[in-house]
Amino acid sequence: MQLTVARTENTTEPARSTGVRDADGMAVASFILGLLGLLVLNVFLGPIAVALAAVALWRGTERRGRALLGLGLGIADLVVLVAFMELDKTVSWGF
């Protein structure tokens, strides 16, 4: 009696490194925070969006477009804050 062992080949893609996955998450987070920062708390969310986008780009995210959008929206948050501060002649702005 002869036993045969069947081999199964691994057809799944190799796992991406944790650093790239983290960078992709940071790119998405920077986009969301930058977008949200246009509406509320832009003094906090703008710089966080810029920092997350910069780190994601530095780590080589596969979602480069989303990171660039997050960077642009974070900068736009700060521009909106400065514009409203100039219009109100205060350190903060309100409606």
PDB file of N, CA and C in Angstrom:
ATOM      1  N   MET A   1       0.842  -1.175   0.000  1.00  0.00           N
ATOM      2  CA  MET A   1       0.000   0.000   0.000  1.00  0.00           C
ATOM      3  C   MET A   1       0.888   1.240   0.000  1.00  0.00           C
ATOM      4  N   GLN A   2       0.581   2.130  -0.907  1.00  0.00           N
ATOM      5  CA  GLN A   2       1.411   3.324  -1.052  1.00  0.00           C
ATOM      6  C   GLN A   2       0.566   4.567  -0.762  1.00  0.00           C
ATOM      7  N   LEU A   3       1.086   5.439   0.077  1.00  0.00           N
ATOM      8  CA  LEU A   3       0.397   6.682   0.409  1.00  0.00           C
ATOM      9  C   LEU A   3       0.967   7.817  -0.430  1.00  0.00           C
ATOM     10  N   THR A   4       0.102   8.622  -0.942  1.00  0.00           N
ATOM     11  CA  THR A   4       0.562   9.797  -1.680  1.00  0.00           C
ATOM     12  C   THR A   4       0.132  11.047  -0.930  1.00  0.00           C
ATOM     13  N   VAL A   5       0.987  12.010  -0.961  1.00  0.00           N
ATOM     14  CA  VAL A   5       0.708  13.276  -0.288  1.00  0.00           C
ATOM     15  C   VAL A   5       0.463  14.326  -1.356  1.00  0.00           C
ATOM     16  N   ALA A   6      -0.670  14.931  -1.290  1.00  0.00           N
ATOM     17  CA  ALA A   6      -1.002  15.976  -2.253  1.00  0.00           C
ATOM     18  C   ALA A   6      -0.442  17.309  -1.765  1.00  0.00           C
ATOM     19  N   ARG A   7       0.193  17.982  -2.651  1.00  0.00           N
ATOM     20  CA  ARG A   7       0.714  19.314  -2.320  1.00  0.00           C
ATOM     21  C   ARG A   7      -0.240  20.372  -2.813  1.00  0.00           C
ATOM     22  N   THR A   8      -0.464  21.320  -1.981  1.00  0.00           N
ATOM     23  CA  THR A   8      -1.284  22.459  -2.394  1.00  0.00           C
ATOM     24  C   THR A   8      -0.376  23.663  -2.487  1.00  0.00           C
ATOM     25  N   GLU A   9      -0.515  24.368  -3.550  1.00  0.00           N
ATOM     26  CA  GLU A   9       0.300  25.556  -3.732  1.00  0.00           C
ATOM     27  C   GLU A   9      -0.447  26.768  -3.186  1.00  0.00           C
ATOM     28  N   ASN A  10       0.300  27.632  -2.611  1.00  0.00           N
ATOM     29  CA  ASN A  10      -0.275  28.857  -2.061  1.00  0.00           C
ATOM     30  C   ASN A  10      -0.494  29.842  -3.207  1.00  0.00           C
ATOM     31  N   THR A  11      -1.753  30.066  -3.562  1.00  0.00           N
ATOM     32  CA  THR A  11      -2.057  30.957  -4.678  1.00  0.00           C
ATOM     33  C   THR A  11      -2.432  32.355  -4.228  1.00  0.00           C
ATOM     34  N   THR A  12      -2.378  32.588  -2.937  1.00  0.00           N
ATOM     35  CA  THR A  12      -2.696  33.929  -2.460  1.00  0.00           C
ATOM     36  C   THR A  12      -1.506  34.847  -2.680  1.00  0.00           C
ATOM     37  N   GLU A  13      -1.797  36.106  -2.762  1.00  0.00           N
ATOM     38  CA  GLU A  13      -0.735  37.081  -2.945  1.00  0.00           C
ATOM     39  C   GLU A  13       0.061  37.210  -1.656  1.00  0.00           C
ATOM     40  N   PRO A  14       1.326  37.534  -1.773  1.00  0.00           N
ATOM     41  CA  PRO A  14       2.111  37.716  -0.547  1.00  0.00           C
ATOM     42  C   PRO A  14       1.587  38.902   0.249  1.00  0.00           C
ATOM     43  N   ALA A  15       1.678  38.769   1.545  1.00  0.00           N
ATOM     44  CA  ALA A  15       1.173  39.829   2.425  1.00  0.00           C
ATOM     45  C   ALA A  15       2.021  41.086   2.262  1.00  0.00           C
ATOM     46  N   ARG A  16       1.358  42.226   2.217  1.00  0.00           N
ATOM     47  CA  ARG A  16       2.084  43.489   2.135  1.00  0.00           C
ATOM     48  C   ARG A  16       2.683  43.793   3.485  1.00  0.00           C
ATOM     49  N   SER A  17       3.755  44.514   3.456  1.00  0.00           N
ATOM     50  CA  SER A  17       4.399  44.832   4.726  1.00  0.00           C
ATOM     51  C   SER A  17       3.507  45.756   5.552  1.00  0.00           C
ATOM     52  N   THR A  18       3.694  45.687   6.840  1.00  0.00           N
ATOM     53  CA  THR A  18       2.869  46.469   7.758  1.00  0.00           C
ATOM     54  C   THR A  18       3.072  47.965   7.532  1.00  0.00           C
ATOM     55  N   GLY A  19       4.297  48.372   7.200  1.00  0.00           N
ATOM     56  CA  GLY A  19       4.579  49.788   6.988  1.00  0.00           C
ATOM     57  C   GLY A  19       3.787  50.386   5.844  1.00  0.00           C
ATOM     58  N   VAL A  20       3.639  49.639   4.753  1.00  0.00           N
ATOM     59  CA  VAL A  20       2.880  50.141   3.605  1.00  0.00           C
ATOM     60  C   VAL A  20       1.401  50.192   3.946  1.00  0.00           C
ATOM     61  N   ARG A  21       0.900  49.166   4.655  1.00  0.00           N
ATOM     62  CA  ARG A  21      -0.509  49.183   5.056  1.00  0.00           C
ATOM     63  C   ARG A  21      -0.785  50.349   5.983  1.00  0.00           C
ATOM     64  N   ASP A  22       0.130  50.608   6.919  1.00  0.00           N
ATOM     65  CA  ASP A  22      -0.036  51.749   7.817  1.00  0.00           C
ATOM     66  C   ASP A  22      -0.014  53.058   7.043  1.00  0.00           C
ATOM     67  N   ALA A  23       0.861  53.148   6.064  1.00  0.00           N
ATOM     68  CA  ALA A  23       0.952  54.363   5.261  1.00  0.00           C
ATOM     69  C   ALA A  23      -0.328  54.580   4.464  1.00  0.00           C
ATOM     70  N   ASP A  24      -0.913  53.493   3.958  1.00  0.00           N
ATOM     71  CA  ASP A  24      -2.187  53.611   3.239  1.00  0.00           C
ATOM     72  C   ASP A  24      -3.287  54.110   4.171  1.00  0.00           C
ATOM     73  N   GLY A  25      -3.308  53.597   5.391  1.00  0.00           N
ATOM     74  CA  GLY A  25      -4.292  54.055   6.374  1.00  0.00           C
ATOM     75  C   GLY A  25      -4.095  55.512   6.734  1.00  0.00           C
ATOM     76  N   MET A  26      -2.839  55.931   6.825  1.00  0.00           N
ATOM     77  CA  MET A  26      -2.563  57.340   7.120  1.00  0.00           C
ATOM     78  C   MET A  26      -3.002  58.239   5.978  1.00  0.00           C
ATOM     79  N   ALA A  27      -2.842  57.776   4.748  1.00  0.00           N
ATOM     80  CA  ALA A  27      -3.276  58.567   3.593  1.00  0.00           C
ATOM     81  C   ALA A  27      -4.789  58.775   3.620  1.00  0.00           C
ATOM     82  N   VAL A  28      -5.517  57.709   3.917  1.00  0.00           N
ATOM     83  CA  VAL A  28      -6.980  57.810   3.988  1.00  0.00           C
ATOM     84  C   VAL A  28      -7.390  58.698   5.160  1.00  0.00           C
ATOM     85  N   ALA A  29      -6.736  58.524   6.303  1.00  0.00           N
ATOM     86  CA  ALA A  29      -7.062  59.334   7.481  1.00  0.00           C
ATOM     87  C   ALA A  29      -6.784  60.815   7.221  1.00  0.00           C
ATOM     88  N   SER A  30      -5.690  61.123   6.537  1.00  0.00           N
ATOM     89  CA  SER A  30      -5.387  62.529   6.263  1.00  0.00           C
ATOM     90  C   SER A  30      -6.438  63.140   5.344  1.00  0.00           C
ATOM     91  N   PHE A  31      -6.902  62.357   4.368  1.00  0.00           N
ATOM     92  CA  PHE A  31      -7.951  62.851   3.478  1.00  0.00           C
ATOM     93  C   PHE A  31      -9.241  63.135   4.252  1.00  0.00           C
ATOM     94  N   ILE A  32      -9.651  62.196   5.094  1.00  0.00           N
ATOM     95  CA  ILE A  32     -10.888  62.356   5.852  1.00  0.00           C
ATOM     96  C   ILE A  32     -10.775  63.520   6.838  1.00  0.00           C
ATOM     97  N   LEU A  33      -9.660  63.595   7.560  1.00  0.00           N
ATOM     98  CA  LEU A  33      -9.494  64.678   8.528  1.00  0.00           C
ATOM     99  C   LEU A  33      -9.390  66.034   7.836  1.00  0.00           C
ATOM    100  N   GLY A  34      -8.732  66.082   6.692  1.00  0.00           N
ATOM    101  CA  GLY A  34      -8.654  67.338   5.939  1.00  0.00           C
ATOM    102  C   GLY A  34     -10.014  67.797   5.453  1.00  0.00           C
ATOM    103  N   LEU A  35     -10.812  66.845   4.992  1.00  0.00           N
ATOM    104  CA  LEU A  35     -12.161  67.171   4.527  1.00  0.00           C
ATOM    105  C   LEU A  35     -13.041  67.622   5.686  1.00  0.00           C
ATOM    106  N   LEU A  36     -12.964  66.919   6.781  1.00  0.00           N
ATOM    107  CA  LEU A  36     -13.742  67.275   7.969  1.00  0.00           C
ATOM    108  C   LEU A  36     -13.279  68.613   8.549  1.00  0.00           C
ATOM    109  N   GLY A  37     -11.982  68.880   8.449  1.00  0.00           N
ATOM    110  CA  GLY A  37     -11.424  70.116   8.976  1.00  0.00           C
ATOM    111  C   GLY A  37     -11.922  71.369   8.268  1.00  0.00           C
ATOM    112  N   LEU A  38     -12.412  71.231   7.057  1.00  0.00           N
ATOM    113  CA  LEU A  38     -12.977  72.397   6.376  1.00  0.00           C
ATOM    114  C   LEU A  38     -14.258  72.866   7.055  1.00  0.00           C
ATOM    115  N   LEU A  39     -14.898  71.953   7.785  1.00  0.00           N
ATOM    116  CA  LEU A  39     -16.158  72.287   8.437  1.00  0.00           C
ATOM    117  C   LEU A  39     -15.993  72.632   9.913  1.00  0.00           C
ATOM    118  N   VAL A  40     -15.212  71.844  10.626  1.00  0.00           N
ATOM    119  CA  VAL A  40     -15.065  72.034  12.070  1.00  0.00           C
ATOM    120  C   VAL A  40     -13.617  71.827  12.494  1.00  0.00           C
ATOM    121  N   LEU A  41     -13.223  72.471  13.548  1.00  0.00           N
ATOM    122  CA  LEU A  41     -11.939  72.269  14.208  1.00  0.00           C
ATOM    123  C   LEU A  41     -10.737  72.291  13.262  1.00  0.00           C
ATOM    124  N   ASN A  42     -10.750  73.238  12.310  1.00  0.00           N
ATOM    125  CA  ASN A  42      -9.658  73.259  11.349  1.00  0.00           C
ATOM    126  C   ASN A  42      -8.316  73.604  11.981  1.00  0.00           C
ATOM    127  N   VAL A  43      -8.318  74.242  13.141  1.00  0.00           N
ATOM    128  CA  VAL A  43      -7.059  74.562  13.804  1.00  0.00           C
ATOM    129  C   VAL A  43      -6.355  73.297  14.286  1.00  0.00           C
ATOM    130  N   PHE A  44      -7.111  72.233  14.570  1.00  0.00           N
ATOM    131  CA  PHE A  44      -6.527  70.966  15.002  1.00  0.00           C
ATOM    132  C   PHE A  44      -6.420  69.969  13.848  1.00  0.00           C
ATOM    133  N   LEU A  45      -7.480  69.843  13.081  1.00  0.00           N
ATOM    134  CA  LEU A  45      -7.526  68.819  12.047  1.00  0.00           C
ATOM    135  C   LEU A  45      -6.636  69.138  10.851  1.00  0.00           C
ATOM    136  N   GLY A  46      -6.452  70.407  10.548  1.00  0.00           N
ATOM    137  CA  GLY A  46      -5.590  70.790   9.427  1.00  0.00           C
ATOM    138  C   GLY A  46      -4.154  70.330   9.609  1.00  0.00           C
ATOM    139  N   PRO A  47      -3.504  70.705  10.715  1.00  0.00           N
ATOM    140  CA  PRO A  47      -2.121  70.244  10.914  1.00  0.00           C
ATOM    141  C   PRO A  47      -1.993  68.721  11.033  1.00  0.00           C
ATOM    142  N   ILE A  48      -2.988  68.067  11.624  1.00  0.00           N
ATOM    143  CA  ILE A  48      -2.934  66.610  11.725  1.00  0.00           C
ATOM    144  C   ILE A  48      -3.015  65.990  10.334  1.00  0.00           C
ATOM    145  N   ALA A  49      -3.882  66.527   9.475  1.00  0.00           N
ATOM    146  CA  ALA A  49      -4.005  66.020   8.110  1.00  0.00           C
ATOM    147  C   ALA A  49      -2.704  66.215   7.334  1.00  0.00           C
ATOM    148  N   VAL A  50      -2.073  67.365   7.510  1.00  0.00           N
ATOM    149  CA  VAL A  50      -0.804  67.632   6.828  1.00  0.00           C
ATOM    150  C   VAL A  50       0.271  66.654   7.308  1.00  0.00           C
ATOM    151  N   ALA A  51       0.350  66.446   8.612  1.00  0.00           N
ATOM    152  CA  ALA A  51       1.370  65.552   9.170  1.00  0.00           C
ATOM    153  C   ALA A  51       1.151  64.105   8.712  1.00  0.00           C
ATOM    154  N   LEU A  52      -0.089  63.633   8.751  1.00  0.00           N
ATOM    155  CA  LEU A  52      -0.374  62.262   8.322  1.00  0.00           C
ATOM    156  C   LEU A  52      -0.072  62.066   6.840  1.00  0.00           C
ATOM    157  N   ALA A  53      -0.425  63.054   6.024  1.00  0.00           N
ATOM    158  CA  ALA A  53      -0.150  62.954   4.588  1.00  0.00           C
ATOM    159  C   ALA A  53       1.350  62.938   4.324  1.00  0.00           C
ATOM    160  N   ALA A  54       2.090  63.765   5.026  1.00  0.00           N
ATOM    161  CA  ALA A  54       3.540  63.811   4.837  1.00  0.00           C
ATOM    162  C   ALA A  54       4.189  62.486   5.228  1.00  0.00           C
ATOM    163  N   VAL A  55       3.765  61.911   6.337  1.00  0.00           N
ATOM    164  CA  VAL A  55       4.329  60.631   6.773  1.00  0.00           C
ATOM    165  C   VAL A  55       3.938  59.519   5.799  1.00  0.00           C
ATOM    166  N   ALA A  56       2.701  59.541   5.323  1.00  0.00           N
ATOM    167  CA  ALA A  56       2.255  58.518   4.368  1.00  0.00           C
ATOM    168  C   ALA A  56       3.058  58.601   3.075  1.00  0.00           C
ATOM    169  N   LEU A  57       3.297  59.811   2.588  1.00  0.00           N
ATOM    170  CA  LEU A  57       4.094  59.972   1.377  1.00  0.00           C
ATOM    171  C   LEU A  57       5.545  59.562   1.614  1.00  0.00           C
ATOM    172  N   TRP A  58       6.065  59.869   2.772  1.00  0.00           N
ATOM    173  CA  TRP A  58       7.441  59.516   3.100  1.00  0.00           C
ATOM    174  C   TRP A  58       7.619  57.999   3.194  1.00  0.00           C
ATOM    175  N   ARG A  59       6.600  57.300   3.690  1.00  0.00           N
ATOM    176  CA  ARG A  59       6.662  55.843   3.812  1.00  0.00           C
ATOM    177  C   ARG A  59       6.329  55.123   2.512  1.00  0.00           C
ATOM    178  N   GLY A  60       5.945  55.849   1.488  1.00  0.00           N
ATOM    179  CA  GLY A  60       5.680  55.236   0.187  1.00  0.00           C
ATOM    180  C   GLY A  60       4.334  54.570   0.074  1.00  0.00           C
ATOM    181  N   THR A  61       3.284  55.296   0.396  1.00  0.00           N
ATOM    182  CA  THR A  61       1.938  54.748   0.315  1.00  0.00           C
ATOM    183  C   THR A  61       1.565  54.413  -1.126  1.00  0.00           C
ATOM    184  N   GLU A  62       0.729  53.412  -1.278  1.00  0.00           N
ATOM    185  CA  GLU A  62       0.194  53.089  -2.601  1.00  0.00           C
ATOM    186  C   GLU A  62      -0.984  53.998  -2.944  1.00  0.00           C
ATOM    187  N   ARG A  63      -1.487  54.698  -1.981  1.00  0.00           N
ATOM    188  CA  ARG A  63      -2.597  55.635  -2.192  1.00  0.00           C
ATOM    189  C   ARG A  63      -2.055  57.061  -2.224  1.00  0.00           C
ATOM    190  N   ARG A  64      -1.138  57.297  -3.126  1.00  0.00           N
ATOM    191  CA  ARG A  64      -0.456  58.586  -3.219  1.00  0.00           C
ATOM    192  C   ARG A  64      -1.425  59.729  -3.510  1.00  0.00           C
ATOM    193  N   GLY A  65      -2.390  59.492  -4.373  1.00  0.00           N
ATOM    194  CA  GLY A  65      -3.369  60.529  -4.701  1.00  0.00           C
ATOM    195  C   GLY A  65      -4.185  60.949  -3.495  1.00  0.00           C
ATOM    196  N   ARG A  66      -4.582  59.979  -2.699  1.00  0.00           N
ATOM    197  CA  ARG A  66      -5.357  60.285  -1.509  1.00  0.00           C
ATOM    198  C   ARG A  66      -4.509  61.047  -0.496  1.00  0.00           C
ATOM    199  N   ALA A  67      -3.233  60.698  -0.391  1.00  0.00           N
ATOM    200  CA  ALA A  67      -2.339  61.413   0.524  1.00  0.00           C
ATOM    201  C   ALA A  67      -2.138  62.856   0.056  1.00  0.00           C
ATOM    202  N   LEU A  68      -2.002  63.046  -1.251  1.00  0.00           N
ATOM    203  CA  LEU A  68      -1.844  64.409  -1.776  1.00  0.00           C
ATOM    204  C   LEU A  68      -3.113  65.230  -1.569  1.00  0.00           C
ATOM    205  N   LEU A  69      -4.269  64.593  -1.722  1.00  0.00           N
ATOM    206  CA  LEU A  69      -5.529  65.291  -1.438  1.00  0.00           C
ATOM    207  C   LEU A  69      -5.617  65.665   0.042  1.00  0.00           C
ATOM    208  N   GLY A  70      -5.208  64.754   0.917  1.00  0.00           N
ATOM    209  CA  GLY A  70      -5.195  65.048   2.352  1.00  0.00           C
ATOM    210  C   GLY A  70      -4.256  66.196   2.670  1.00  0.00           C
ATOM    211  N   LEU A  71      -3.097  66.225   2.017  1.00  0.00           N
ATOM    212  CA  LEU A  71      -2.148  67.319   2.204  1.00  0.00           C
ATOM    213  C   LEU A  71      -2.753  68.640   1.741  1.00  0.00           C
ATOM    214  N   GLY A  72      -3.360  68.633   0.566  1.00  0.00           N
ATOM    215  CA  GLY A  72      -3.993  69.846   0.046  1.00  0.00           C
ATOM    216  C   GLY A  72      -5.144  70.324   0.909  1.00  0.00           C
ATOM    217  N   LEU A  73      -5.965  69.397   1.378  1.00  0.00           N
ATOM    218  CA  LEU A  73      -7.093  69.779   2.232  1.00  0.00           C
ATOM    219  C   LEU A  73      -6.618  70.276   3.593  1.00  0.00           C
ATOM    220  N   GLY A  74      -5.550  69.689   4.125  1.00  0.00           N
ATOM    221  CA  GLY A  74      -4.996  70.169   5.388  1.00  0.00           C
ATOM    222  C   GLY A  74      -4.471  71.591   5.267  1.00  0.00           C
ATOM    223  N   ILE A  75      -3.804  71.869   4.154  1.00  0.00           N
ATOM    224  CA  ILE A  75      -3.320  73.231   3.910  1.00  0.00           C
ATOM    225  C   ILE A  75      -4.507  74.177   3.703  1.00  0.00           C
ATOM    226  N   ALA A  76      -5.533  73.709   2.995  1.00  0.00           N
ATOM    227  CA  ALA A  76      -6.737  74.527   2.790  1.00  0.00           C
ATOM    228  C   ALA A  76      -7.415  74.831   4.122  1.00  0.00           C
ATOM    229  N   ASP A  77      -7.402  73.883   5.053  1.00  0.00           N
ATOM    230  CA  ASP A  77      -7.960  74.126   6.389  1.00  0.00           C
ATOM    231  C   ASP A  77      -7.270  75.318   7.044  1.00  0.00           C
ATOM    232  N   LEU A  78      -5.963  75.332   6.960  1.00  0.00           N
ATOM    233  CA  LEU A  78      -5.205  76.420   7.584  1.00  0.00           C
ATOM    234  C   LEU A  78      -5.422  77.745   6.864  1.00  0.00           C
ATOM    235  N   VAL A  79      -5.563  77.701   5.545  1.00  0.00           N
ATOM    236  CA  VAL A  79      -5.838  78.926   4.785  1.00  0.00           C
ATOM    237  C   VAL A  79      -7.212  79.483   5.149  1.00  0.00           C
ATOM    238  N   VAL A  80      -8.201  78.605   5.274  1.00  0.00           N
ATOM    239  CA  VAL A  80      -9.549  79.033   5.680  1.00  0.00           C
ATOM    240  C   VAL A  80      -9.500  79.637   7.076  1.00  0.00           C
ATOM    241  N   LEU A  81      -8.762  79.018   7.979  1.00  0.00           N
ATOM    242  CA  LEU A  81      -8.640  79.546   9.338  1.00  0.00           C
ATOM    243  C   LEU A  81      -8.030  80.946   9.328  1.00  0.00           C
ATOM    244  N   VAL A  82      -6.957  81.122   8.581  1.00  0.00           N
ATOM    245  CA  VAL A  82      -6.301  82.435   8.517  1.00  0.00           C
ATOM    246  C   VAL A  82      -7.233  83.462   7.876  1.00  0.00           C
ATOM    247  N   ALA A  83      -7.964  83.078   6.834  1.00  0.00           N
ATOM    248  CA  ALA A  83      -8.880  84.010   6.173  1.00  0.00           C
ATOM    249  C   ALA A  83      -9.981  84.466   7.128  1.00  0.00           C
ATOM    250  N   PHE A  84     -10.575  83.524   7.850  1.00  0.00           N
ATOM    251  CA  PHE A  84     -11.626  83.909   8.795  1.00  0.00           C
ATOM    252  C   PHE A  84     -11.079  84.710   9.962  1.00  0.00           C
ATOM    253  N   MET A  85      -9.855  84.410  10.376  1.00  0.00           N
ATOM    254  CA  MET A  85      -9.252  85.195  11.456  1.00  0.00           C
ATOM    255  C   MET A  85      -9.012  86.634  11.003  1.00  0.00           C
ATOM    256  N   GLU A  86      -8.619  86.816   9.755  1.00  0.00           N
ATOM    257  CA  GLU A  86      -8.410  88.165   9.228  1.00  0.00           C
ATOM    258  C   GLU A  86      -9.731  88.917   9.087  1.00  0.00           C
ATOM    259  N   LEU A  87     -10.767  88.215   8.674  1.00  0.00           N
ATOM    260  CA  LEU A  87     -12.072  88.873   8.516  1.00  0.00           C
ATOM    261  C   LEU A  87     -12.665  89.279   9.856  1.00  0.00           C
ATOM    262  N   ASP A  88     -12.500  88.440  10.871  1.00  0.00           N
ATOM    263  CA  ASP A  88     -13.069  88.721  12.190  1.00  0.00           C
ATOM    264  C   ASP A  88     -12.140  89.547  13.070  1.00  0.00           C
ATOM    265  N   LYS A  89     -10.889  89.649  12.671  1.00  0.00           N
ATOM    266  CA  LYS A  89      -9.868  90.350  13.478  1.00  0.00           C
ATOM    267  C   LYS A  89      -9.748  89.733  14.873  1.00  0.00           C
ATOM    268  N   THR A  90      -9.840  88.394  14.927  1.00  0.00           N
ATOM    269  CA  THR A  90      -9.702  87.679  16.201  1.00  0.00           C
ATOM    270  C   THR A  90      -8.741  86.515  15.998  1.00  0.00           C
ATOM    271  N   VAL A  91      -8.460  85.808  17.090  1.00  0.00           N
ATOM    272  CA  VAL A  91      -7.597  84.652  17.024  1.00  0.00           C
ATOM    273  C   VAL A  91      -8.384  83.419  16.609  1.00  0.00           C
ATOM    274  N   SER A  92      -9.688  83.446  16.706  1.00  0.00           N
ATOM    275  CA  SER A  92     -10.521  82.339  16.265  1.00  0.00           C
ATOM    276  C   SER A  92     -11.646  82.883  15.406  1.00  0.00           C
ATOM    277  N   TRP A  93     -12.467  82.022  14.882  1.00  0.00           N
ATOM    278  CA  TRP A  93     -13.584  82.479  14.071  1.00  0.00           C
ATOM    279  C   TRP A  93     -14.839  81.745  14.479  1.00  0.00           C
ATOM    280  N   GLY A  94     -15.957  82.351  14.205  1.00  0.00           N
ATOM    281  CA  GLY A  94     -17.261  81.765  14.512  1.00  0.00           C
ATOM    282  C   GLY A  94     -18.304  82.320  13.566  1.00  0.00           C
ATOM    283  N   PHE A  95     -19.487  81.721  13.619  1.00  0.00           N
ATOM    284  CA  PHE A  95     -20.570  82.169  12.746  1.00  0.00           C
ATOM    285  C   PHE A  95     -21.463  83.150  13.458  1.00  0.00           C
TER     286      PHE A  95
END
